[in-house]
């Protein structure tokens, strides 16, 4: 199943998970040190919703941001 919003086209983004060790200076330590970088994927919060588009009821894959902003109207 595609991880892409049918309304805005938002899809997964790639980035890094950064591993750190040590105690923060604010907590009395000598500071955090980076010990590694790992590639990772930030997926989009995609919901499968039943909606009405131009009088036709259909299923769409929509991101949570589009649902909250009211770009789509859910059908019961």
N, C-alpha and C. Protein backbone atom coordinates (compact mmCIF):
# COMPACT_ATOMS: atom_id res chain seq x y z
N UNK A 1 0.84 -1.18 0.00
CA UNK A 1 0.00 0.00 0.00
C UNK A 1 0.89 1.25 0.00
N UNK A 2 0.53 2.20 -0.82
CA UNK A 2 1.32 3.42 -0.96
C UNK A 2 1.24 4.27 0.30
N UNK A 3 2.37 4.79 0.73
CA UNK A 3 2.42 5.68 1.89
C UNK A 3 2.40 7.14 1.40
N UNK A 4 1.40 7.49 0.59
CA UNK A 4 1.31 8.83 0.04
C UNK A 4 -0.12 9.35 0.20
N UNK A 5 -0.26 10.60 0.62
CA UNK A 5 -1.57 11.21 0.80
C UNK A 5 -2.18 11.53 -0.57
N UNK A 6 -3.46 11.16 -0.75
CA UNK A 6 -4.15 11.41 -2.02
C UNK A 6 -4.50 12.89 -2.20
N UNK A 7 -4.51 13.68 -1.12
CA UNK A 7 -4.87 15.09 -1.19
C UNK A 7 -3.64 15.97 -1.44
N UNK A 8 -2.66 15.90 -0.55
CA UNK A 8 -1.51 16.80 -0.64
C UNK A 8 -0.26 16.15 -1.23
N UNK A 9 -0.26 14.82 -1.36
CA UNK A 9 0.89 14.13 -1.95
C UNK A 9 2.06 13.92 -1.00
N UNK A 10 1.83 14.16 0.28
CA UNK A 10 2.90 13.99 1.27
C UNK A 10 3.28 12.51 1.37
N UNK A 11 4.58 12.23 1.40
CA UNK A 11 5.07 10.85 1.48
C UNK A 11 6.16 10.72 2.53
N UNK A 12 6.77 9.54 2.64
CA UNK A 12 7.81 9.31 3.63
C UNK A 12 9.06 10.15 3.36
N UNK A 13 9.74 10.56 4.45
CA UNK A 13 10.99 11.30 4.35
C UNK A 13 12.08 10.50 5.03
N UNK A 14 13.32 10.66 4.57
CA UNK A 14 14.42 9.94 5.20
C UNK A 14 15.21 10.90 6.09
N UNK A 15 15.88 10.32 7.06
CA UNK A 15 16.68 11.11 7.98
C UNK A 15 17.61 10.21 8.76
N UNK A 16 18.06 10.67 9.91
CA UNK A 16 19.00 9.91 10.72
C UNK A 16 18.52 9.79 12.15
N UNK A 17 18.82 8.63 12.75
CA UNK A 17 18.65 8.45 14.19
C UNK A 17 20.04 8.66 14.77
N UNK A 18 20.19 9.62 15.68
CA UNK A 18 21.49 9.95 16.24
C UNK A 18 21.59 9.36 17.64
N UNK A 19 22.62 8.55 17.87
CA UNK A 19 22.83 7.93 19.17
C UNK A 19 23.82 8.79 19.96
N UNK A 20 23.44 9.13 21.20
CA UNK A 20 24.30 9.97 22.03
C UNK A 20 24.52 9.30 23.38
N UNK A 21 25.63 9.63 24.02
CA UNK A 21 25.88 9.15 25.37
C UNK A 21 26.45 10.28 26.21
N UNK A 22 26.39 10.10 27.52
CA UNK A 22 26.89 11.12 28.43
C UNK A 22 25.75 11.86 29.11
N UNK A 23 26.11 12.73 30.03
CA UNK A 23 25.15 13.52 30.79
C UNK A 23 25.21 14.97 30.31
N UNK A 24 24.05 15.57 30.12
CA UNK A 24 23.98 16.95 29.62
C UNK A 24 24.66 17.91 30.59
N UNK A 25 25.22 18.99 30.04
CA UNK A 25 25.90 19.99 30.87
C UNK A 25 24.94 20.62 31.88
N UNK A 26 23.67 20.80 31.47
CA UNK A 26 22.68 21.40 32.36
C UNK A 26 22.41 20.52 33.57
N UNK A 27 22.70 19.22 33.45
CA UNK A 27 22.48 18.30 34.57
C UNK A 27 23.77 17.99 35.32
N UNK A 28 24.83 18.73 35.03
CA UNK A 28 26.08 18.57 35.78
C UNK A 28 27.11 17.71 35.09
N UNK A 29 26.87 17.27 33.87
CA UNK A 29 27.83 16.44 33.15
C UNK A 29 28.78 17.26 32.30
N UNK A 30 29.57 16.55 31.48
CA UNK A 30 30.53 17.23 30.60
C UNK A 30 29.95 17.44 29.21
N UNK A 31 28.72 17.00 28.98
CA UNK A 31 28.07 17.20 27.69
C UNK A 31 27.81 15.90 26.97
N UNK A 32 26.86 15.93 26.06
CA UNK A 32 26.50 14.75 25.27
C UNK A 32 27.50 14.56 24.14
N UNK A 33 27.86 13.31 23.86
CA UNK A 33 28.76 12.97 22.76
C UNK A 33 28.01 12.09 21.77
N UNK A 34 28.14 12.37 20.48
CA UNK A 34 27.50 11.57 19.44
C UNK A 34 28.34 10.32 19.20
N UNK A 35 27.68 9.15 19.22
CA UNK A 35 28.41 7.90 19.02
C UNK A 35 28.00 7.19 17.74
N UNK A 36 26.95 7.64 17.05
CA UNK A 36 26.57 6.97 15.81
C UNK A 36 25.41 7.63 15.11
N UNK A 37 25.34 7.38 13.79
CA UNK A 37 24.23 7.84 12.95
C UNK A 37 23.68 6.62 12.23
N UNK A 38 22.35 6.44 12.26
CA UNK A 38 21.71 5.35 11.54
C UNK A 38 20.62 5.94 10.66
N UNK A 39 20.59 5.50 9.38
CA UNK A 39 19.56 5.95 8.45
C UNK A 39 18.21 5.43 8.90
N UNK A 40 17.15 6.24 8.78
CA UNK A 40 15.80 5.81 9.13
C UNK A 40 14.78 6.53 8.26
N UNK A 41 13.53 6.08 8.34
CA UNK A 41 12.46 6.65 7.52
C UNK A 41 11.39 7.22 8.45
N UNK A 42 10.97 8.46 8.18
CA UNK A 42 9.87 9.08 8.90
C UNK A 42 8.61 8.90 8.05
N UNK A 43 7.73 7.98 8.46
CA UNK A 43 6.52 7.71 7.70
C UNK A 43 5.42 8.72 8.03
N UNK A 44 4.49 8.87 7.11
CA UNK A 44 3.38 9.80 7.26
C UNK A 44 2.22 9.07 7.93
N UNK A 45 1.45 9.80 8.75
CA UNK A 45 0.28 9.23 9.42
C UNK A 45 -0.88 9.17 8.42
N UNK A 46 -0.96 8.06 7.67
CA UNK A 46 -1.96 7.90 6.63
C UNK A 46 -3.17 7.15 7.19
N UNK A 47 -4.37 7.69 6.96
CA UNK A 47 -5.61 7.06 7.38
C UNK A 47 -6.42 6.72 6.14
N UNK A 48 -7.07 5.53 6.14
CA UNK A 48 -7.95 5.16 5.04
C UNK A 48 -9.36 5.61 5.43
N UNK A 49 -9.93 6.57 4.67
CA UNK A 49 -11.22 7.16 5.01
C UNK A 49 -12.21 7.00 3.86
N UNK A 50 -13.48 6.86 4.24
CA UNK A 50 -14.55 6.87 3.25
C UNK A 50 -15.01 8.31 3.12
N UNK A 51 -15.00 8.85 1.90
CA UNK A 51 -15.33 10.25 1.69
C UNK A 51 -16.20 10.41 0.45
N UNK A 52 -16.80 11.58 0.32
CA UNK A 52 -17.66 11.88 -0.82
C UNK A 52 -16.98 12.94 -1.67
N UNK A 53 -16.63 12.57 -2.91
CA UNK A 53 -15.98 13.50 -3.84
C UNK A 53 -16.85 13.62 -5.08
N UNK A 54 -17.36 14.82 -5.34
CA UNK A 54 -18.23 15.11 -6.50
C UNK A 54 -19.44 14.17 -6.54
N UNK A 55 -20.02 13.89 -5.38
CA UNK A 55 -21.22 13.06 -5.30
C UNK A 55 -20.96 11.56 -5.31
N UNK A 56 -19.70 11.14 -5.40
CA UNK A 56 -19.35 9.72 -5.43
C UNK A 56 -18.66 9.36 -4.13
N UNK A 57 -19.16 8.30 -3.44
CA UNK A 57 -18.55 7.83 -2.20
C UNK A 57 -17.39 6.91 -2.57
N UNK A 58 -16.20 7.22 -2.02
CA UNK A 58 -15.02 6.41 -2.33
C UNK A 58 -14.08 6.38 -1.16
N UNK A 59 -13.17 5.38 -1.15
CA UNK A 59 -12.14 5.28 -0.12
C UNK A 59 -10.91 6.04 -0.60
N UNK A 60 -10.29 6.80 0.32
CA UNK A 60 -9.07 7.54 0.00
C UNK A 60 -8.08 7.36 1.13
N UNK A 61 -6.80 7.48 0.79
CA UNK A 61 -5.74 7.46 1.79
C UNK A 61 -5.31 8.91 2.02
N UNK A 62 -5.58 9.42 3.24
CA UNK A 62 -5.39 10.83 3.55
C UNK A 62 -4.51 10.96 4.79
N UNK A 63 -3.60 11.93 4.80
CA UNK A 63 -2.76 12.15 5.98
C UNK A 63 -3.59 12.84 7.07
N UNK A 64 -3.15 12.71 8.31
CA UNK A 64 -3.88 13.25 9.46
C UNK A 64 -3.97 14.78 9.40
N UNK A 65 -2.98 15.42 8.83
CA UNK A 65 -2.99 16.89 8.74
C UNK A 65 -4.12 17.37 7.84
N UNK A 66 -4.35 16.67 6.71
CA UNK A 66 -5.44 17.04 5.81
C UNK A 66 -6.80 16.77 6.46
N UNK A 67 -6.90 15.70 7.25
CA UNK A 67 -8.15 15.40 7.96
C UNK A 67 -8.47 16.49 8.98
N UNK A 68 -7.46 16.89 9.77
CA UNK A 68 -7.67 17.89 10.81
C UNK A 68 -7.99 19.25 10.22
N UNK A 69 -7.38 19.61 9.09
CA UNK A 69 -7.57 20.93 8.52
C UNK A 69 -8.89 21.06 7.77
N UNK A 70 -9.61 19.93 7.57
CA UNK A 70 -10.92 19.99 6.94
C UNK A 70 -10.86 19.99 5.42
N UNK A 71 -9.77 19.53 4.82
CA UNK A 71 -9.67 19.47 3.37
C UNK A 71 -10.54 18.34 2.82
N UNK A 72 -10.96 17.43 3.68
CA UNK A 72 -11.76 16.28 3.25
C UNK A 72 -12.91 16.11 4.25
N UNK A 73 -14.08 15.65 3.79
CA UNK A 73 -15.22 15.43 4.66
C UNK A 73 -15.50 13.94 4.71
N UNK A 74 -15.47 13.38 5.92
CA UNK A 74 -15.71 11.95 6.09
C UNK A 74 -17.20 11.63 5.94
N UNK A 75 -17.49 10.44 5.39
CA UNK A 75 -18.86 9.95 5.27
C UNK A 75 -19.04 8.85 6.29
N UNK A 76 -20.16 8.87 7.00
CA UNK A 76 -20.41 7.88 8.06
C UNK A 76 -20.66 6.49 7.53
